[in-house]
């Protein structure tokens, strides 16, 4: 399944797992591409099926600054002169890629930076290209695509700049990295937040949609999104339990906690190790705040 039409004018090109993502394509009076992280060939085939070309893209909208979601934005801009649209937090990060790197924790001198840059350039080539956002959106702002209306819904936690896009008619929501994958929530940066992620999940659950469009599932439309988000959110507590169990078993530092991976099944690269470290740090901070763990003389101990 390379593509699926969810309703008239609302299409998803399947990108699937990181380092790609699902791309939302809206076709009305104009052509809007949201999160161009699928393969360019898959996007081209989808547009051809609608008698369109890549050069017919009018706008690209970005849900957040992660490289797998912005991969082909600059390339599409070069091909079609399309507008690039993002929210007010994402825009300056897209405009200055060094700020983007620092925002994601990969500042100059950070040990995993070179490995991360290589991963991006090898697997998400184009994400670090120079480009500029033409229009910045704020929370709650509406964006019209012919007879379709999008509305910005800020959903931080995954990253501070993460947003979902509500499609008001039909009542759908593009969840981006509220993705409902088996892996579970990803919050592998210093500025990610488990508490904000949980709040964002509850926010989406409280709203009424016909379905949630995942940024990574191969079957992207989740109709029973409320129950799926509840199961997705349980991963936070399950991981808390695993981290606490490791501390109770004698792991007294972040380095010791990451000797046996807790979040990832394996650690194939320095980049994945860094993601594991940052996620474990969020759990340790939370366990300390909840009174389950304390730090004594530089060592983590259960209470």
Protein backbone atom coordinates (compact mmCIF):
# COMPACT_ATOMS: atom_id res chain seq x y z
CA UNK A 1 0.00 0.00 0.00
CA UNK A 2 1.86 3.06 -1.28
CA UNK A 3 -1.03 5.48 -0.86
CA UNK A 4 -4.57 5.71 0.45
CA UNK A 5 -7.41 8.18 -0.11
CA UNK A 6 -9.20 8.83 3.19
CA UNK A 7 -11.86 11.11 1.77
CA UNK A 8 -12.23 13.32 -1.32
CA UNK A 9 -9.08 15.41 -1.58
CA UNK A 10 -7.40 13.84 1.48
CA UNK A 11 -4.62 11.38 0.63
CA UNK A 12 -1.76 9.75 2.55
CA UNK A 13 1.43 8.58 0.87
CA UNK A 14 2.87 5.82 3.04
CA UNK A 15 6.42 6.42 4.22
CA UNK A 16 6.22 4.17 7.26
CA UNK A 17 8.94 3.82 9.85
CA UNK A 18 11.73 6.30 10.63
CA UNK A 19 13.78 7.54 8.76
CA UNK A 20 10.72 8.12 6.57
CA UNK A 21 7.25 9.25 7.55
CA UNK A 22 3.74 9.28 6.14
CA UNK A 23 2.98 12.31 3.99
CA UNK A 24 -0.46 13.93 3.92
CA UNK A 25 -1.49 15.34 0.55
CA UNK A 26 -4.50 17.65 0.28
CA UNK A 27 -5.90 18.38 -3.17
CA UNK A 28 -8.52 21.05 -3.68
CA UNK A 29 -8.08 24.46 -5.31
CA UNK A 30 -4.41 23.97 -4.52
CA UNK A 31 -2.08 21.10 -3.67
CA UNK A 32 -0.72 21.00 -0.13
CA UNK A 33 1.86 18.47 1.10
CA UNK A 34 2.20 17.96 4.85
CA UNK A 35 5.44 16.45 6.20
CA UNK A 36 7.22 15.46 2.96
CA UNK A 37 9.16 12.53 4.41
CA UNK A 38 7.94 9.73 2.15
CA UNK A 39 10.00 8.83 -0.89
CA UNK A 40 9.86 11.37 -3.68
CA UNK A 41 8.98 8.63 -6.16
CA UNK A 42 6.01 7.53 -4.06
CA UNK A 43 4.82 11.14 -3.85
CA UNK A 44 5.30 11.56 -7.61
CA UNK A 45 3.24 8.41 -8.32
CA UNK A 46 0.45 9.60 -6.05
CA UNK A 47 0.32 12.99 -7.76
CA UNK A 48 0.40 11.32 -11.19
CA UNK A 49 -2.69 9.33 -10.19
CA UNK A 50 -4.44 12.70 -9.83
CA UNK A 51 -3.00 14.06 -13.11
CA UNK A 52 -0.58 16.25 -11.16
CA UNK A 53 3.19 16.69 -11.04
CA UNK A 54 5.63 17.62 -8.28
CA UNK A 55 5.82 21.08 -9.81
CA UNK A 56 2.10 21.51 -9.07
CA UNK A 57 2.63 21.53 -5.29
CA UNK A 58 1.54 24.92 -3.95
CA UNK A 59 2.46 24.62 -0.27
CA UNK A 60 4.39 22.39 2.12
CA UNK A 61 3.38 22.35 5.79
CA UNK A 62 5.72 20.98 8.47
CA UNK A 63 4.39 19.51 11.73
CA UNK A 64 7.72 19.90 13.56
CA UNK A 65 11.45 20.11 12.92
CA UNK A 66 12.45 16.42 12.96
CA UNK A 67 14.49 15.56 9.84
CA UNK A 68 12.23 12.65 8.80
CA UNK A 69 9.28 15.08 8.59
CA UNK A 70 11.01 17.89 6.68
CA UNK A 71 13.20 15.80 4.35
CA UNK A 72 12.01 16.98 0.92
CA UNK A 73 10.65 20.43 1.82
CA UNK A 74 13.49 22.39 0.22
CA UNK A 75 13.60 20.06 -2.79
CA UNK A 76 9.89 20.57 -3.44
CA UNK A 77 10.41 24.32 -3.06
CA UNK A 78 13.12 24.21 -5.71
CA UNK A 79 10.94 22.15 -8.07
CA UNK A 80 7.65 24.00 -7.67
CA UNK A 81 8.43 27.33 -5.98
CA UNK A 82 5.91 26.21 -3.34
CA UNK A 83 5.43 28.06 -0.07
CA UNK A 84 6.86 26.48 3.07
CA UNK A 85 4.63 26.79 6.13
CA UNK A 86 5.40 25.85 9.75
CA UNK A 87 4.41 26.92 13.23
CA UNK A 88 6.03 29.83 15.06
CA UNK A 89 8.45 27.59 16.96
CA UNK A 90 9.51 25.47 14.00
CA UNK A 91 10.00 28.36 11.55
CA UNK A 92 13.24 29.87 12.95
CA UNK A 93 14.71 26.38 13.40
CA UNK A 94 14.04 25.54 9.75
CA UNK A 95 15.48 28.88 8.67
CA UNK A 96 18.75 28.38 10.56
CA UNK A 97 19.84 24.76 10.60
CA UNK A 98 22.48 25.33 13.30
CA UNK A 99 19.64 26.45 15.58
CA UNK A 100 17.81 23.27 14.60
CA UNK A 101 20.79 21.13 15.59
CA UNK A 102 21.12 22.92 18.92
CA UNK A 103 17.36 22.63 19.55
CA UNK A 104 17.63 18.86 19.04
CA UNK A 105 20.60 18.70 21.42
CA UNK A 106 23.29 18.20 18.80
CA UNK A 107 25.29 21.35 19.46
CA UNK A 108 28.89 21.71 18.35
CA UNK A 109 31.03 19.36 20.38
CA UNK A 110 28.16 17.03 21.32
CA UNK A 111 29.65 13.51 21.02
CA UNK A 112 26.92 12.06 18.77
CA UNK A 113 26.57 15.12 16.51
CA UNK A 114 28.71 13.85 13.62
CA UNK A 115 26.97 10.47 13.68
CA UNK A 116 23.57 12.20 13.71
CA UNK A 117 24.55 14.46 10.78
CA UNK A 118 25.73 11.40 8.85
CA UNK A 119 22.47 9.58 9.58
CA UNK A 120 20.45 12.55 8.36
CA UNK A 121 22.53 13.04 5.22
CA UNK A 122 22.57 9.31 4.40
CA UNK A 123 18.91 8.50 5.14
CA UNK A 124 17.06 11.85 5.06
CA UNK A 125 19.10 13.72 2.50
CA UNK A 126 17.90 17.29 2.04
CA UNK A 127 16.67 17.83 5.59
CA UNK A 128 19.69 20.01 6.39
CA UNK A 129 19.53 22.04 3.16
CA UNK A 130 19.17 25.80 3.52
CA UNK A 131 15.62 27.06 3.13
CA UNK A 132 13.13 29.50 4.59
CA UNK A 133 9.62 29.33 5.96
CA UNK A 134 7.23 31.68 4.13
CA UNK A 135 4.41 31.63 6.67
CA UNK A 136 4.40 30.90 10.40
CA UNK A 137 1.23 29.58 12.05
CA UNK A 138 0.13 29.94 15.67
CA UNK A 139 -1.84 27.56 17.87
CA UNK A 140 -5.50 27.49 16.86
CA UNK A 141 -4.91 29.27 13.56
CA UNK A 142 -6.82 28.05 10.52
CA UNK A 143 -5.32 27.40 7.09
CA UNK A 144 -7.66 27.04 4.13
CA UNK A 145 -7.04 24.62 1.27
CA UNK A 146 -9.95 25.26 -1.06
CA UNK A 147 -12.98 23.70 0.59
CA UNK A 148 -10.80 22.01 3.22
CA UNK A 149 -9.92 23.81 6.46
CA UNK A 150 -6.89 22.93 8.58
CA UNK A 151 -6.50 24.07 12.18
CA UNK A 152 -3.26 24.07 14.14
CA UNK A 153 -3.25 22.15 17.42
CA UNK A 154 -0.06 22.50 19.46
CA UNK A 155 0.88 19.13 21.00
CA UNK A 156 4.29 19.48 22.68
CA UNK A 157 6.14 16.70 24.49
CA UNK A 158 7.60 14.76 21.61
CA UNK A 159 9.33 18.07 20.92
CA UNK A 160 8.37 21.57 22.07
CA UNK A 161 7.44 22.55 18.50
CA UNK A 162 5.28 19.51 17.69
CA UNK A 163 1.84 20.27 16.30
CA UNK A 164 -1.03 18.23 14.93
CA UNK A 165 -3.27 19.44 12.13
CA UNK A 166 -7.02 19.12 12.46
CA UNK A 167 -8.89 18.71 9.18
CA UNK A 168 -12.21 20.27 10.09
CA UNK A 169 -14.15 18.77 7.20
CA UNK A 170 -14.01 15.82 7.36
CA UNK A 171 -13.25 15.64 11.10
CA UNK A 172 -9.79 14.07 10.99
CA UNK A 173 -6.54 14.88 12.74
CA UNK A 174 -3.06 14.42 11.33
CA UNK A 175 -1.21 13.20 14.42
CA UNK A 176 2.34 13.38 13.00
CA UNK A 177 4.47 11.85 15.80
CA UNK A 178 1.53 11.11 18.02
CA UNK A 179 1.89 8.12 15.79
CA UNK A 180 0.43 5.18 17.77
CA UNK A 181 3.27 2.88 16.69
CA UNK A 182 4.17 -0.32 18.53
CA UNK A 183 7.43 1.33 19.61
CA UNK A 184 5.44 3.86 21.60
CA UNK A 185 6.06 7.55 22.31
CA UNK A 186 9.44 9.02 21.39
CA UNK A 187 10.86 11.79 23.59
CA UNK A 188 14.56 11.32 22.91
CA UNK A 189 15.82 14.89 23.26
CA UNK A 190 16.78 17.05 26.24
CA UNK A 191 13.87 19.42 25.55
CA UNK A 192 11.29 16.65 25.14
CA UNK A 193 8.87 16.21 28.04
CA UNK A 194 6.97 13.16 29.26
CA UNK A 195 4.48 15.32 31.20
CA UNK A 196 3.76 17.54 28.18
CA UNK A 197 3.47 14.46 25.96
CA UNK A 198 0.85 13.00 28.31
CA UNK A 199 -1.03 16.32 28.32
CA UNK A 200 -1.01 16.39 24.51
CA UNK A 201 -2.37 12.84 24.36
CA UNK A 202 -5.19 13.78 26.74
CA UNK A 203 -5.92 16.89 24.67
CA UNK A 204 -6.38 14.86 21.49
CA UNK A 205 -8.47 12.25 23.33
CA UNK A 206 -10.87 14.95 24.50
CA UNK A 207 -11.59 16.08 20.94
CA UNK A 208 -14.01 14.48 18.52
CA UNK A 209 -12.65 13.13 15.24
CA UNK A 210 -13.59 10.47 12.75
CA UNK A 211 -10.05 9.20 13.01
CA UNK A 212 -6.38 10.01 13.64
CA UNK A 213 -3.84 9.87 10.80
CA UNK A 214 -0.55 8.45 12.05
CA UNK A 215 2.75 9.83 10.85
CA UNK A 216 4.29 6.34 10.75
CA UNK A 217 1.77 3.49 10.70
CA UNK A 218 1.52 1.55 7.43
CA UNK A 219 -2.26 1.60 7.90
CA UNK A 220 -2.38 5.29 8.77
CA UNK A 221 -6.01 5.90 9.75
CA UNK A 222 -6.87 4.93 13.34
CA UNK A 223 -10.61 5.20 13.94
CA UNK A 224 -10.52 4.06 17.59
CA UNK A 225 -7.88 6.66 18.37
CA UNK A 226 -8.96 7.29 21.97
CA UNK A 227 -8.37 3.71 23.12
CA UNK A 228 -5.25 3.49 20.94
CA UNK A 229 -3.85 6.62 22.60
CA UNK A 230 -4.57 5.14 26.04
CA UNK A 231 -2.56 2.02 25.17
CA UNK A 232 0.16 4.21 23.62
CA UNK A 233 0.37 6.31 26.78
CA UNK A 234 0.82 3.21 28.98
CA UNK A 235 4.32 2.91 27.56
CA UNK A 236 5.39 5.78 29.82
CA UNK A 237 4.48 3.80 32.94
CA UNK A 238 5.88 0.54 31.61
CA UNK A 239 9.19 2.23 30.92
CA UNK A 240 9.10 3.88 34.36
CA UNK A 241 8.77 0.40 35.84
CA UNK A 242 11.70 -0.93 33.83
CA UNK A 243 13.94 1.97 34.85
CA UNK A 244 12.93 1.64 38.51
CA UNK A 245 13.55 -2.12 38.37
CA UNK A 246 17.03 -1.50 36.98
CA UNK A 247 17.81 0.99 39.76
CA UNK A 248 16.54 -1.51 42.33
CA UNK A 249 18.82 -4.07 40.68
CA UNK A 250 21.86 -1.89 41.34
CA UNK A 251 22.14 0.44 38.33
CA UNK A 252 23.20 3.69 39.97
CA UNK A 253 23.84 6.00 37.02
CA UNK A 254 22.57 6.82 33.56
CA UNK A 255 25.61 5.07 32.07
CA UNK A 256 24.81 1.91 34.02
CA UNK A 257 21.13 2.11 33.09
CA UNK A 258 22.00 2.21 29.39
CA UNK A 259 24.35 -0.80 29.51
CA UNK A 260 21.27 -2.99 28.98
CA UNK A 261 18.88 -1.09 26.70
CA UNK A 262 15.48 -0.29 28.21
CA UNK A 263 13.78 1.80 25.52
CA UNK A 264 15.38 0.38 22.38
CA UNK A 265 15.75 -3.39 21.88
CA UNK A 266 19.29 -2.86 20.58
CA UNK A 267 21.69 0.09 20.33
CA UNK A 268 23.11 -0.05 16.78
CA UNK A 269 24.68 3.42 16.67
CA UNK A 270 25.85 6.38 18.78
CA UNK A 271 22.71 8.27 17.72
CA UNK A 272 20.34 5.61 19.08
CA UNK A 273 22.44 5.44 22.24
CA UNK A 274 22.02 9.19 22.67
CA UNK A 275 18.26 8.90 22.20
CA UNK A 276 18.21 6.12 24.81
CA UNK A 277 20.22 8.26 27.25
CA UNK A 278 17.93 11.26 26.91
CA UNK A 279 14.79 9.16 27.31
CA UNK A 280 16.20 7.39 30.38
CA UNK A 281 17.13 10.79 31.85
CA UNK A 282 13.49 11.90 31.52
CA UNK A 283 12.33 8.79 33.37
CA UNK A 284 14.90 9.18 36.14
CA UNK A 285 13.89 12.81 36.62
CA UNK A 286 10.26 11.75 36.85
CA UNK A 287 10.96 8.91 39.29
CA UNK A 288 12.87 11.32 41.53
CA UNK A 289 9.99 13.82 41.41
CA UNK A 290 7.51 11.05 42.32
CA UNK A 291 9.63 9.94 45.28
CA UNK A 292 10.57 6.50 43.97
CA UNK A 293 14.27 7.24 43.46
CA UNK A 294 16.78 9.53 45.10
CA UNK A 295 20.34 10.53 44.36
CA UNK A 296 22.89 9.99 47.14
CA UNK A 297 26.55 10.88 46.70
CA UNK A 298 26.13 10.85 42.94
CA UNK A 299 24.40 7.46 42.87
CA UNK A 300 20.78 6.63 42.13
CA UNK A 301 19.06 4.61 44.83
CA UNK A 302 15.48 3.36 45.24
CA UNK A 303 13.47 4.82 48.13
